[in-house]
Amino acid sequence: MSAEEPIRVLIADDHPVVRAGLRALLSGEDAIEVAGEAGTGEEAVRQAGLLRPDLVLMDLRLGEGIDGVEATRRVLALPDPPRVLVLTTYDSDADIARALDVGASGYLLKAGPPDELFQGVRTAARGETALSPAVATRLVNRVRDPAPALSPREVEILEHLAQGMSNRQIARALFISEATVKTHLVHIFGKLGVDSRTAAVRAAADRRLIRMSE
């Protein structure tokens, strides 16, 4: 892509009003062109292959079907793939890590100003990393003071705990034994430095290791 060519963007978000707002914002900015829209993860992957945009602006929650992280992984597996820039309301450590781990070129928050979005699109399109200031600060803080290294399974169990589920209910939901749930809880308590289920959920939420249900 030469400097004279517009950056062609595919908007992937499950809310039509949000897509319309993003289209209006981006279409009014010089050197940025909206190539298309997608309302689901599967559609985002399909449209990325058909439209061949320079960048996909990807939400993390896309209704039924695959989420934004899996859609990102599939988009980046396409031949000559576009860059993918996450734009979401979610800022938990788990969400940020999952998106960046599969290859997203950046992570922006919807609460940011339009100029932050425009700059993020240009930065990601150049192949550089685009991060909202709040996200960048959190990543730096994690390096300085690393959060407990919870496994994906431990995060799952914590999220179920946050929903008020018992050990038996968690075991059924995750297709594991109650004994395994108890073992995971021992490890979780140790990593978070707590001694109760309530304290574990509070500590994980305070450190944004889990996303509390709305």
C-alpha atoms as a PDB file:
ATOM      1  CA  MET A   1       0.000   0.000   0.000  1.00  0.00           C
ATOM      2  CA  SER A   2       1.532   3.304  -1.116  1.00  0.00           C
ATOM      3  CA  ALA A   3       1.285   6.502   0.888  1.00  0.00           C
ATOM      4  CA  GLU A   4      -1.219   7.899  -1.645  1.00  0.00           C
ATOM      5  CA  GLU A   5      -3.677   5.025  -1.426  1.00  0.00           C
ATOM      6  CA  PRO A   6      -6.432   5.142   1.228  1.00  0.00           C
ATOM      7  CA  ILE A   7      -6.434   2.597   4.014  1.00  0.00           C
ATOM      8  CA  ARG A   8      -9.321   0.265   3.269  1.00  0.00           C
ATOM      9  CA  VAL A   9     -11.053  -0.767   6.516  1.00  0.00           C
ATOM     10  CA  LEU A  10     -13.535  -3.556   7.216  1.00  0.00           C
ATOM     11  CA  ILE A  11     -15.694  -2.842  10.298  1.00  0.00           C
ATOM     12  CA  ALA A  12     -16.631  -5.929  12.348  1.00  0.00           C
ATOM     13  CA  ASP A  13     -19.157  -5.205  15.115  1.00  0.00           C
ATOM     14  CA  ASP A  14     -22.448  -6.883  16.002  1.00  0.00           C
ATOM     15  CA  HIS A  15     -24.271  -3.599  16.703  1.00  0.00           C
ATOM     16  CA  PRO A  16     -25.632  -1.884  13.541  1.00  0.00           C
ATOM     17  CA  VAL A  17     -25.698   1.523  15.233  1.00  0.00           C
ATOM     18  CA  VAL A  18     -22.038   1.192  16.215  1.00  0.00           C
ATOM     19  CA  ARG A  19     -21.101   0.133  12.688  1.00  0.00           C
ATOM     20  CA  ALA A  20     -22.984   3.127  11.268  1.00  0.00           C
ATOM     21  CA  GLY A  21     -21.216   5.480  13.666  1.00  0.00           C
ATOM     22  CA  LEU A  22     -17.800   4.054  12.837  1.00  0.00           C
ATOM     23  CA  ARG A  23     -18.523   4.232   9.121  1.00  0.00           C
ATOM     24  CA  ALA A  24     -19.485   7.890   9.426  1.00  0.00           C
ATOM     25  CA  LEU A  25     -16.382   8.694  11.474  1.00  0.00           C
ATOM     26  CA  LEU A  26     -13.923   6.860   9.254  1.00  0.00           C
ATOM     27  CA  SER A  27     -15.473   7.987   5.976  1.00  0.00           C
ATOM     28  CA  GLY A  28     -14.977  11.592   7.002  1.00  0.00           C
ATOM     29  CA  GLU A  29     -11.260  11.134   7.592  1.00  0.00           C
ATOM     30  CA  ASP A  30      -8.684  11.690   4.860  1.00  0.00           C
ATOM     31  CA  ALA A  31      -6.946   8.607   3.447  1.00  0.00           C
ATOM     32  CA  ILE A  32      -9.296   6.132   5.170  1.00  0.00           C
ATOM     33  CA  GLU A  33     -11.971   4.271   3.223  1.00  0.00           C
ATOM     34  CA  VAL A  34     -14.598   1.874   4.618  1.00  0.00           C
ATOM     35  CA  ALA A  35     -14.444  -1.248   2.458  1.00  0.00           C
ATOM     36  CA  GLY A  36     -17.355  -3.034   4.148  1.00  0.00           C
ATOM     37  CA  GLU A  37     -19.033  -4.199   7.334  1.00  0.00           C
ATOM     38  CA  ALA A  38     -19.571  -7.478   9.162  1.00  0.00           C
ATOM     39  CA  GLY A  39     -21.965  -8.266  12.014  1.00  0.00           C
ATOM     40  CA  THR A  40     -20.558 -11.649  13.084  1.00  0.00           C
ATOM     41  CA  GLY A  41     -17.157 -13.255  13.445  1.00  0.00           C
ATOM     42  CA  GLU A  42     -17.810 -15.656  10.603  1.00  0.00           C
ATOM     43  CA  GLU A  43     -18.916 -12.819   8.338  1.00  0.00           C
ATOM     44  CA  ALA A  44     -15.792 -10.848   9.248  1.00  0.00           C
ATOM     45  CA  VAL A  45     -13.590 -13.735   8.116  1.00  0.00           C
ATOM     46  CA  ARG A  46     -15.587 -14.183   4.920  1.00  0.00           C
ATOM     47  CA  GLN A  47     -15.610 -10.473   4.082  1.00  0.00           C
ATOM     48  CA  ALA A  48     -11.900 -10.155   4.808  1.00  0.00           C
ATOM     49  CA  GLY A  49     -11.238 -12.843   2.220  1.00  0.00           C
ATOM     50  CA  LEU A  50     -13.587 -11.345  -0.363  1.00  0.00           C
ATOM     51  CA  LEU A  51     -12.922  -7.613   0.059  1.00  0.00           C
ATOM     52  CA  ARG A  52      -9.207  -7.888   0.893  1.00  0.00           C
ATOM     53  CA  PRO A  53      -9.124  -4.767   3.098  1.00  0.00           C
ATOM     54  CA  ASP A  54      -5.907  -3.372   4.507  1.00  0.00           C
ATOM     55  CA  LEU A  55      -7.240  -3.552   8.048  1.00  0.00           C
ATOM     56  CA  VAL A  56     -10.103  -5.132   9.968  1.00  0.00           C
ATOM     57  CA  LEU A  57     -11.492  -3.133  12.902  1.00  0.00           C
ATOM     58  CA  MET A  58     -12.587  -5.987  15.165  1.00  0.00           C
ATOM     59  CA  ASP A  59     -14.881  -5.986  18.195  1.00  0.00           C
ATOM     60  CA  LEU A  60     -14.331  -8.788  20.716  1.00  0.00           C
ATOM     61  CA  ARG A  61     -17.972  -9.656  21.370  1.00  0.00           C
ATOM     62  CA  LEU A  62     -19.795 -10.516  18.167  1.00  0.00           C
ATOM     63  CA  GLY A  63     -23.006 -12.162  19.335  1.00  0.00           C
ATOM     64  CA  GLU A  64     -23.584 -15.796  18.462  1.00  0.00           C
ATOM     65  CA  GLY A  65     -20.824 -17.724  16.742  1.00  0.00           C
ATOM     66  CA  ILE A  66     -17.100 -17.152  17.051  1.00  0.00           C
ATOM     67  CA  ASP A  67     -15.809 -14.198  19.045  1.00  0.00           C
ATOM     68  CA  GLY A  68     -13.439 -11.486  17.908  1.00  0.00           C
ATOM     69  CA  VAL A  69     -10.324 -13.325  19.060  1.00  0.00           C
ATOM     70  CA  GLU A  70     -11.137 -16.440  17.044  1.00  0.00           C
ATOM     71  CA  ALA A  71     -12.207 -14.293  14.089  1.00  0.00           C
ATOM     72  CA  THR A  72      -8.856 -12.488  14.317  1.00  0.00           C
ATOM     73  CA  ARG A  73      -6.988 -15.780  14.307  1.00  0.00           C
ATOM     74  CA  ARG A  74      -8.891 -16.947  11.216  1.00  0.00           C
ATOM     75  CA  VAL A  75      -8.490 -13.640   9.383  1.00  0.00           C
ATOM     76  CA  LEU A  76      -4.742 -13.690   9.970  1.00  0.00           C
ATOM     77  CA  ALA A  77      -4.598 -17.249   8.623  1.00  0.00           C
ATOM     78  CA  LEU A  78      -5.899 -16.047   5.235  1.00  0.00           C
ATOM     79  CA  PRO A  79      -3.481 -15.683   2.307  1.00  0.00           C
ATOM     80  CA  ASP A  80      -1.922 -12.193   2.376  1.00  0.00           C
ATOM     81  CA  PRO A  81      -4.064 -11.225   5.387  1.00  0.00           C
ATOM     82  CA  PRO A  82      -5.020  -7.711   6.457  1.00  0.00           C
ATOM     83  CA  ARG A  83      -3.952  -6.248   9.779  1.00  0.00           C
ATOM     84  CA  VAL A  84      -6.471  -6.611  12.595  1.00  0.00           C
ATOM     85  CA  LEU A  85      -7.060  -3.822  15.103  1.00  0.00           C
ATOM     86  CA  VAL A  86      -9.287  -4.604  18.087  1.00  0.00           C
ATOM     87  CA  LEU A  87     -11.829  -1.928  19.049  1.00  0.00           C
ATOM     88  CA  THR A  88     -13.857  -2.920  22.090  1.00  0.00           C
ATOM     89  CA  THR A  89     -15.300  -1.860  25.425  1.00  0.00           C
ATOM     90  CA  TYR A  90     -13.552  -4.706  27.280  1.00  0.00           C
ATOM     91  CA  ASP A  91     -10.187  -4.060  28.907  1.00  0.00           C
ATOM     92  CA  SER A  92      -9.494  -7.064  31.137  1.00  0.00           C
ATOM     93  CA  ASP A  93      -5.962  -8.468  31.130  1.00  0.00           C
ATOM     94  CA  ALA A  94      -7.355 -11.736  29.802  1.00  0.00           C
ATOM     95  CA  ASP A  95      -9.050 -10.044  26.821  1.00  0.00           C
ATOM     96  CA  ILE A  96      -5.990  -7.952  25.957  1.00  0.00           C
ATOM     97  CA  ALA A  97      -3.638 -10.929  26.216  1.00  0.00           C
ATOM     98  CA  ARG A  98      -5.846 -13.205  24.110  1.00  0.00           C
ATOM     99  CA  ALA A  99      -6.194 -10.652  21.323  1.00  0.00           C
ATOM    100  CA  LEU A 100      -2.510  -9.783  21.151  1.00  0.00           C
ATOM    101  CA  ASP A 101      -1.460 -13.427  21.461  1.00  0.00           C
ATOM    102  CA  VAL A 102      -3.294 -14.400  18.269  1.00  0.00           C
ATOM    103  CA  GLY A 103      -1.654 -11.570  16.353  1.00  0.00           C
ATOM    104  CA  ALA A 104      -3.841  -8.457  16.607  1.00  0.00           C
ATOM    105  CA  SER A 105      -1.888  -5.346  15.618  1.00  0.00           C
ATOM    106  CA  GLY A 106      -3.382  -3.301  18.409  1.00  0.00           C
ATOM    107  CA  TYR A 107      -6.062  -2.842  21.028  1.00  0.00           C
ATOM    108  CA  LEU A 108      -8.215   0.283  21.263  1.00  0.00           C
ATOM    109  CA  LEU A 109     -11.091   1.095  23.602  1.00  0.00           C
ATOM    110  CA  LYS A 110     -14.374   2.490  22.290  1.00  0.00           C
ATOM    111  CA  ALA A 111     -14.346   5.101  25.033  1.00  0.00           C
ATOM    112  CA  GLY A 112     -11.368   6.802  23.382  1.00  0.00           C
ATOM    113  CA  PRO A 113     -11.656   9.978  21.262  1.00  0.00           C
ATOM    114  CA  PRO A 114     -12.003   9.820  17.450  1.00  0.00           C
ATOM    115  CA  ASP A 115      -8.435  11.054  16.893  1.00  0.00           C
ATOM    116  CA  GLU A 116      -7.167   8.058  18.856  1.00  0.00           C
ATOM    117  CA  LEU A 117      -9.107   5.772  16.522  1.00  0.00           C
ATOM    118  CA  PHE A 118      -7.809   7.502  13.378  1.00  0.00           C
ATOM    119  CA  GLN A 119      -4.216   7.371  14.595  1.00  0.00           C
ATOM    120  CA  GLY A 120      -4.655   3.741  15.638  1.00  0.00           C
ATOM    121  CA  VAL A 121      -5.914   2.781  12.181  1.00  0.00           C
ATOM    122  CA  ARG A 122      -2.934   4.467  10.508  1.00  0.00           C
ATOM    123  CA  THR A 123      -0.461   2.975  12.975  1.00  0.00           C
ATOM    124  CA  ALA A 124      -1.812  -0.568  12.661  1.00  0.00           C
ATOM    125  CA  ALA A 125      -2.007  -0.295   8.854  1.00  0.00           C
ATOM    126  CA  ARG A 126       1.738   0.464   8.831  1.00  0.00           C
ATOM    127  CA  GLY A 127       2.365  -2.770  10.708  1.00  0.00           C
ATOM    128  CA  GLU A 128       3.062  -1.094  14.018  1.00  0.00           C
ATOM    129  CA  THR A 129       1.332  -1.734  17.338  1.00  0.00           C
ATOM    130  CA  ALA A 130      -1.556   0.589  18.216  1.00  0.00           C
ATOM    131  CA  LEU A 131      -2.685   0.718  21.842  1.00  0.00           C
ATOM    132  CA  SER A 132      -5.067   2.951  23.751  1.00  0.00           C
ATOM    133  CA  PRO A 133      -3.107   4.867  26.412  1.00  0.00           C
ATOM    134  CA  ALA A 134      -5.012   3.027  29.149  1.00  0.00           C
ATOM    135  CA  VAL A 135      -4.122  -0.350  27.634  1.00  0.00           C
ATOM    136  CA  ALA A 136      -0.471   0.627  27.146  1.00  0.00           C
ATOM    137  CA  THR A 137      -0.259   1.727  30.775  1.00  0.00           C
ATOM    138  CA  ARG A 138      -1.700  -1.559  31.963  1.00  0.00           C
ATOM    139  CA  LEU A 139       0.770  -3.560  29.891  1.00  0.00           C
ATOM    140  CA  VAL A 140       3.671  -1.548  31.290  1.00  0.00           C
ATOM    141  CA  ASN A 141       2.378  -2.038  34.826  1.00  0.00           C
ATOM    142  CA  ARG A 142       2.114  -5.773  34.223  1.00  0.00           C
ATOM    143  CA  VAL A 143       5.779  -5.857  33.249  1.00  0.00           C
ATOM    144  CA  ARG A 144       6.763  -3.866  36.323  1.00  0.00           C
ATOM    145  CA  ASP A 145       4.493  -5.758  38.689  1.00  0.00           C
ATOM    146  CA  PRO A 146       3.391  -8.969  36.974  1.00  0.00           C
ATOM    147  CA  ALA A 147      -0.059 -10.254  37.816  1.00  0.00           C
ATOM    148  CA  PRO A 148      -0.377 -13.844  38.999  1.00  0.00           C
ATOM    149  CA  ALA A 149       0.072 -16.242  36.106  1.00  0.00           C
ATOM    150  CA  LEU A 150      -3.361 -17.815  36.065  1.00  0.00           C
ATOM    151  CA  SER A 151      -3.948 -20.562  33.530  1.00  0.00           C
ATOM    152  CA  PRO A 152      -6.862 -20.324  31.072  1.00  0.00           C
ATOM    153  CA  ARG A 153      -8.674 -23.005  33.079  1.00  0.00           C
ATOM    154  CA  GLU A 154      -8.164 -21.078  36.326  1.00  0.00           C
ATOM    155  CA  VAL A 155      -9.580 -17.949  34.693  1.00  0.00           C
ATOM    156  CA  GLU A 156     -12.605 -19.978  33.556  1.00  0.00           C
ATOM    157  CA  ILE A 157     -13.173 -21.232  37.090  1.00  0.00           C
ATOM    158  CA  LEU A 158     -12.872 -17.722  38.508  1.00  0.00           C
ATOM    159  CA  GLU A 159     -15.423 -16.417  36.013  1.00  0.00           C
ATOM    160  CA  HIS A 160     -17.827 -19.166  37.072  1.00  0.00           C
ATOM    161  CA  LEU A 161     -17.162 -18.321  40.715  1.00  0.00           C
ATOM    162  CA  ALA A 162     -18.061 -14.729  39.943  1.00  0.00           C
ATOM    163  CA  GLN A 163     -21.449 -15.986  38.732  1.00  0.00           C
ATOM    164  CA  GLY A 164     -22.053 -17.579  42.123  1.00  0.00           C
ATOM    165  CA  MET A 165     -21.679 -21.174  40.941  1.00  0.00           C
ATOM    166  CA  SER A 166     -20.879 -23.998  43.367  1.00  0.00           C
ATOM    167  CA  ASN A 167     -18.003 -26.444  42.866  1.00  0.00           C
ATOM    168  CA  ARG A 168     -20.475 -29.021  41.579  1.00  0.00           C
ATOM    169  CA  GLN A 169     -21.989 -26.581  39.082  1.00  0.00           C
ATOM    170  CA  ILE A 170     -18.538 -25.533  37.865  1.00  0.00           C
ATOM    171  CA  ALA A 171     -17.511 -29.153  37.464  1.00  0.00           C
ATOM    172  CA  ARG A 172     -20.591 -29.866  35.350  1.00  0.00           C
ATOM    173  CA  ALA A 173     -20.131 -26.735  33.255  1.00  0.00           C
ATOM    174  CA  LEU A 174     -16.481 -27.521  32.488  1.00  0.00           C
ATOM    175  CA  PHE A 175     -16.877 -31.333  32.296  1.00  0.00           C
ATOM    176  CA  ILE A 176     -14.339 -31.951  35.055  1.00  0.00           C
ATOM    177  CA  SER A 177     -14.595 -33.525  38.507  1.00  0.00           C
ATOM    178  CA  GLU A 178     -15.332 -31.643  41.710  1.00  0.00           C
ATOM    179  CA  ALA A 179     -11.948 -32.762  43.006  1.00  0.00           C
ATOM    180  CA  THR A 180     -10.277 -31.090  40.031  1.00  0.00           C
ATOM    181  CA  VAL A 181     -12.219 -27.890  40.712  1.00  0.00           C
ATOM    182  CA  LYS A 182     -11.021 -27.949  44.335  1.00  0.00           C
ATOM    183  CA  THR A 183      -7.419 -28.463  43.211  1.00  0.00           C
ATOM    184  CA  HIS A 184      -7.660 -25.497  40.859  1.00  0.00           C
ATOM    185  CA  LEU A 185      -9.125 -23.372  43.655  1.00  0.00           C
ATOM    186  CA  VAL A 186      -6.173 -24.180  45.908  1.00  0.00           C
ATOM    187  CA  HIS A 187      -3.805 -22.995  43.167  1.00  0.00           C
ATOM    188  CA  ILE A 188      -5.909 -19.885  42.520  1.00  0.00           C
ATOM    189  CA  PHE A 189      -6.013 -18.943  46.188  1.00  0.00           C
ATOM    190  CA  GLY A 190      -2.243 -19.327  46.416  1.00  0.00           C
ATOM    191  CA  LYS A 191      -1.549 -17.208  43.341  1.00  0.00           C
ATOM    192  CA  LEU A 192      -3.890 -14.440  44.435  1.00  0.00           C
ATOM    193  CA  GLY A 193      -2.883 -14.555  48.086  1.00  0.00           C
ATOM    194  CA  VAL A 194      -6.443 -15.041  49.354  1.00  0.00           C
ATOM    195  CA  ASP A 195      -8.236 -17.601  51.479  1.00  0.00           C
ATOM    196  CA  SER A 196     -11.842 -17.537  50.263  1.00  0.00           C
ATOM    197  CA  ARG A 197     -13.898 -17.730  47.096  1.00  0.00           C
ATOM    198  CA  THR A 198     -15.279 -14.218  47.568  1.00  0.00           C
ATOM    199  CA  ALA A 199     -11.819 -12.760  48.102  1.00  0.00           C
ATOM    200  CA  ALA A 200     -10.518 -14.596  45.020  1.00  0.00           C
ATOM    201  CA  VAL A 201     -13.223 -13.124  42.811  1.00  0.00           C
ATOM    202  CA  ARG A 202     -12.685  -9.640  44.255  1.00  0.00           C
ATOM    203  CA  ALA A 203      -8.898  -9.840  43.789  1.00  0.00           C
ATOM    204  CA  ALA A 204      -9.197 -11.137  40.235  1.00  0.00           C
ATOM    205  CA  ALA A 205     -11.730  -8.447  39.320  1.00  0.00           C
ATOM    206  CA  ASP A 206      -9.626  -5.680  40.914  1.00  0.00           C
ATOM    207  CA  ARG A 207      -6.617  -6.800  38.868  1.00  0.00           C
ATOM    208  CA  ARG A 208      -8.806  -7.245  35.791  1.00  0.00           C
ATOM    209  CA  LEU A 209      -7.820 -10.886  35.441  1.00  0.00           C
ATOM    210  CA  ILE A 210     -11.463 -11.679  34.805  1.00  0.00           C
ATOM    211  CA  ARG A 211     -14.379  -9.817  33.283  1.00  0.00           C
ATOM    212  CA  MET A 212     -17.335  -9.474  35.603  1.00  0.00           C
ATOM    213  CA  SER A 213     -20.725 -10.215  34.053  1.00  0.00           C
ATOM    214  CA  GLU A 214     -22.838  -7.174  33.263  1.00  0.00           C
END
